[in-house]
Amino acid sequence: MKNLKEGKLGESMEQLKLFSNGGNYIYWFLYIEDEPILKSLKNHSDFEKTMQKIKDKFWAKHERIKEALVDEGLI
């Protein structure tokens, strides 16, 4: 976020893209796109695609966990 505060949108977007390559997201990250500090980054052409990638990975993992819990009879 330091880069974003300094107005370095390209570098900030690259960091978000690197983060999107991970897969261990916690639920609150789904709400980060509404943070005021990201307002300027939302205009970047890759922002929506990158945020969607993060959301898709989060929900896919959520579904896998749910299926495992169902298979184990835990829910």
N, C-alpha and C. Protein backbone atom coordinates (compact mmCIF):
# COMPACT_ATOMS: atom_id res chain seq x y z
N MET A 1 0.82 -1.20 0.00
CA MET A 1 0.00 0.00 0.00
C MET A 1 0.86 1.26 0.00
N LYS A 2 2.12 1.12 0.43
CA LYS A 2 3.00 2.28 0.44
C LYS A 2 3.10 2.88 -0.96
N ASN A 3 3.26 2.02 -1.98
CA ASN A 3 3.36 2.50 -3.35
C ASN A 3 2.12 3.27 -3.76
N LEU A 4 0.95 2.78 -3.33
CA LEU A 4 -0.30 3.44 -3.69
C LEU A 4 -0.38 4.81 -3.04
N LYS A 5 0.05 4.91 -1.80
CA LYS A 5 0.05 6.21 -1.11
C LYS A 5 0.96 7.20 -1.82
N GLU A 6 2.01 6.68 -2.44
CA GLU A 6 2.96 7.53 -3.13
C GLU A 6 2.54 7.80 -4.57
N GLY A 7 1.38 7.29 -4.98
CA GLY A 7 0.89 7.54 -6.33
C GLY A 7 1.47 6.62 -7.39
N LYS A 8 2.06 5.53 -6.99
CA LYS A 8 2.66 4.59 -7.94
C LYS A 8 1.65 3.50 -8.26
N LEU A 9 0.68 3.84 -9.10
CA LEU A 9 -0.41 2.92 -9.39
C LEU A 9 0.05 1.65 -10.08
N GLY A 10 0.96 1.77 -11.02
CA GLY A 10 1.45 0.60 -11.75
C GLY A 10 2.11 -0.40 -10.81
N GLU A 11 2.96 0.09 -9.92
CA GLU A 11 3.63 -0.80 -8.97
C GLU A 11 2.63 -1.41 -8.00
N SER A 12 1.66 -0.63 -7.59
CA SER A 12 0.63 -1.14 -6.68
C SER A 12 -0.20 -2.23 -7.35
N MET A 13 -0.52 -2.04 -8.61
CA MET A 13 -1.30 -3.03 -9.34
C MET A 13 -0.49 -4.31 -9.47
N GLU A 14 0.80 -4.20 -9.73
CA GLU A 14 1.65 -5.38 -9.83
C GLU A 14 1.67 -6.15 -8.52
N GLN A 15 1.70 -5.44 -7.41
CA GLN A 15 1.67 -6.10 -6.10
C GLN A 15 0.34 -6.83 -5.89
N LEU A 16 -0.76 -6.21 -6.30
CA LEU A 16 -2.06 -6.85 -6.17
C LEU A 16 -2.13 -8.10 -7.05
N LYS A 17 -1.55 -8.03 -8.24
CA LYS A 17 -1.52 -9.19 -9.13
C LYS A 17 -0.71 -10.32 -8.51
N LEU A 18 0.43 -10.00 -7.92
CA LEU A 18 1.24 -11.02 -7.25
C LEU A 18 0.45 -11.66 -6.12
N PHE A 19 -0.25 -10.84 -5.36
CA PHE A 19 -1.08 -11.34 -4.27
C PHE A 19 -2.16 -12.27 -4.80
N SER A 20 -2.72 -11.93 -5.96
CA SER A 20 -3.80 -12.74 -6.52
C SER A 20 -3.33 -14.14 -6.94
N ASN A 21 -2.03 -14.30 -7.10
CA ASN A 21 -1.48 -15.61 -7.47
C ASN A 21 -1.44 -16.57 -6.30
N GLY A 22 -1.62 -16.04 -5.11
CA GLY A 22 -1.68 -16.89 -3.91
C GLY A 22 -3.01 -17.61 -3.87
N GLY A 23 -3.40 -18.03 -2.72
CA GLY A 23 -4.67 -18.72 -2.64
C GLY A 23 -5.18 -18.89 -1.23
N ASN A 24 -4.53 -18.26 -0.30
CA ASN A 24 -4.92 -18.44 1.08
C ASN A 24 -5.54 -17.14 1.60
N TYR A 25 -6.65 -16.75 0.98
CA TYR A 25 -7.29 -15.49 1.31
C TYR A 25 -8.27 -15.68 2.45
N ILE A 26 -8.36 -14.70 3.30
CA ILE A 26 -9.38 -14.73 4.34
C ILE A 26 -10.54 -13.85 3.89
N TYR A 27 -11.71 -14.13 4.43
CA TYR A 27 -12.94 -13.54 3.90
C TYR A 27 -12.93 -12.02 3.83
N TRP A 28 -12.29 -11.35 4.78
CA TRP A 28 -12.37 -9.89 4.80
C TRP A 28 -11.70 -9.27 3.58
N PHE A 29 -10.81 -10.02 2.92
CA PHE A 29 -10.14 -9.44 1.75
C PHE A 29 -11.13 -9.19 0.62
N LEU A 30 -12.25 -9.90 0.63
CA LEU A 30 -13.26 -9.69 -0.41
C LEU A 30 -13.84 -8.28 -0.35
N TYR A 31 -13.70 -7.64 0.79
CA TYR A 31 -14.25 -6.28 0.96
C TYR A 31 -13.22 -5.18 0.73
N ILE A 32 -11.98 -5.53 0.47
CA ILE A 32 -10.93 -4.53 0.37
C ILE A 32 -11.13 -3.57 -0.80
N GLU A 33 -11.80 -4.04 -1.84
CA GLU A 33 -11.97 -3.16 -3.00
C GLU A 33 -12.83 -1.94 -2.66
N ASP A 34 -13.53 -1.97 -1.54
CA ASP A 34 -14.33 -0.83 -1.12
C ASP A 34 -13.56 0.14 -0.24
N GLU A 35 -12.31 -0.17 0.05
CA GLU A 35 -11.49 0.71 0.89
C GLU A 35 -11.15 2.00 0.13
N PRO A 36 -11.28 3.13 0.79
CA PRO A 36 -10.98 4.41 0.13
C PRO A 36 -9.57 4.50 -0.43
N ILE A 37 -8.61 3.86 0.21
CA ILE A 37 -7.23 3.95 -0.28
C ILE A 37 -7.07 3.33 -1.66
N LEU A 38 -7.96 2.43 -2.04
CA LEU A 38 -7.87 1.78 -3.34
C LEU A 38 -8.66 2.51 -4.43
N LYS A 39 -9.27 3.61 -4.08
CA LYS A 39 -10.10 4.34 -5.04
C LYS A 39 -9.34 4.63 -6.35
N SER A 40 -8.13 5.10 -6.24
CA SER A 40 -7.37 5.44 -7.45
C SER A 40 -6.96 4.18 -8.22
N LEU A 41 -6.75 3.07 -7.53
CA LEU A 41 -6.35 1.84 -8.19
C LEU A 41 -7.50 1.22 -8.97
N LYS A 42 -8.73 1.51 -8.58
CA LYS A 42 -9.90 0.96 -9.27
C LYS A 42 -9.95 1.38 -10.73
N ASN A 43 -9.32 2.47 -11.07
CA ASN A 43 -9.33 2.95 -12.45
C ASN A 43 -8.32 2.21 -13.33
N HIS A 44 -7.46 1.42 -12.73
CA HIS A 44 -6.47 0.67 -13.51
C HIS A 44 -7.19 -0.40 -14.32
N SER A 45 -6.75 -0.62 -15.52
CA SER A 45 -7.43 -1.55 -16.43
C SER A 45 -7.43 -3.00 -15.92
N ASP A 46 -6.50 -3.37 -15.08
CA ASP A 46 -6.42 -4.74 -14.58
C ASP A 46 -7.08 -4.95 -13.22
N PHE A 47 -7.59 -3.89 -12.61
CA PHE A 47 -8.11 -3.99 -11.25
C PHE A 47 -9.27 -4.98 -11.14
N GLU A 48 -10.29 -4.81 -11.95
CA GLU A 48 -11.48 -5.66 -11.85
C GLU A 48 -11.13 -7.12 -12.11
N LYS A 49 -10.32 -7.37 -13.12
CA LYS A 49 -9.94 -8.74 -13.46
C LYS A 49 -9.15 -9.38 -12.31
N THR A 50 -8.26 -8.63 -11.71
CA THR A 50 -7.45 -9.15 -10.62
C THR A 50 -8.30 -9.42 -9.38
N MET A 51 -9.20 -8.50 -9.06
CA MET A 51 -10.08 -8.71 -7.91
C MET A 51 -11.00 -9.91 -8.15
N GLN A 52 -11.46 -10.09 -9.37
CA GLN A 52 -12.33 -11.23 -9.68
C GLN A 52 -11.56 -12.54 -9.52
N LYS A 53 -10.30 -12.54 -9.90
CA LYS A 53 -9.46 -13.73 -9.74
C LYS A 53 -9.36 -14.09 -8.26
N ILE A 54 -9.15 -13.09 -7.42
CA ILE A 54 -9.07 -13.33 -5.98
C ILE A 54 -10.39 -13.89 -5.46
N LYS A 55 -11.49 -13.29 -5.86
CA LYS A 55 -12.81 -13.75 -5.42
C LYS A 55 -13.08 -15.18 -5.89
N ASP A 56 -12.78 -15.45 -7.14
CA ASP A 56 -13.02 -16.79 -7.68
C ASP A 56 -12.23 -17.85 -6.91
N LYS A 57 -10.97 -17.55 -6.62
CA LYS A 57 -10.15 -18.50 -5.88
C LYS A 57 -10.68 -18.69 -4.46
N PHE A 58 -11.09 -17.60 -3.83
CA PHE A 58 -11.63 -17.69 -2.48
C PHE A 58 -12.86 -18.59 -2.46
N TRP A 59 -13.82 -18.33 -3.36
CA TRP A 59 -15.06 -19.09 -3.36
C TRP A 59 -14.87 -20.55 -3.78
N ALA A 60 -13.90 -20.82 -4.65
CA ALA A 60 -13.60 -22.20 -5.03
C ALA A 60 -13.06 -22.97 -3.82
N LYS A 61 -12.18 -22.32 -3.07
CA LYS A 61 -11.65 -22.97 -1.87
C LYS A 61 -12.75 -23.16 -0.84
N HIS A 62 -13.60 -22.16 -0.70
CA HIS A 62 -14.75 -22.25 0.22
C HIS A 62 -15.61 -23.47 -0.13
N GLU A 63 -15.86 -23.66 -1.41
CA GLU A 63 -16.70 -24.78 -1.86
C GLU A 63 -16.01 -26.12 -1.59
N ARG A 64 -14.70 -26.19 -1.81
CA ARG A 64 -13.96 -27.43 -1.52
C ARG A 64 -14.02 -27.78 -0.04
N ILE A 65 -13.87 -26.77 0.80
CA ILE A 65 -13.95 -27.01 2.25
C ILE A 65 -15.35 -27.46 2.63
N LYS A 66 -16.36 -26.81 2.07
CA LYS A 66 -17.74 -27.19 2.37
C LYS A 66 -18.00 -28.65 1.96
N GLU A 67 -17.56 -29.02 0.77
CA GLU A 67 -17.75 -30.39 0.30
C GLU A 67 -17.05 -31.40 1.22
N ALA A 68 -15.86 -31.06 1.67
CA ALA A 68 -15.13 -31.95 2.57
C ALA A 68 -15.88 -32.10 3.89
N LEU A 69 -16.44 -31.02 4.39
CA LEU A 69 -17.19 -31.08 5.64
C LEU A 69 -18.47 -31.90 5.49
N VAL A 70 -19.11 -31.76 4.34
CA VAL A 70 -20.31 -32.56 4.05
C VAL A 70 -19.93 -34.04 3.96
N ASP A 71 -18.86 -34.34 3.24
CA ASP A 71 -18.41 -35.73 3.10
C ASP A 71 -18.10 -36.38 4.45
N GLU A 72 -17.59 -35.57 5.36
CA GLU A 72 -17.25 -36.08 6.70
C GLU A 72 -18.47 -36.10 7.63
N GLY A 73 -19.61 -35.61 7.14
CA GLY A 73 -20.81 -35.59 7.95
C GLY A 73 -20.78 -34.52 9.03
N LEU A 74 -19.95 -33.52 8.83
CA LEU A 74 -19.82 -32.47 9.85
C LEU A 74 -20.82 -31.33 9.64
N ILE A 75 -21.33 -31.23 8.44
CA ILE A 75 -22.41 -30.26 8.18
C ILE A 75 -23.45 -30.89 7.29
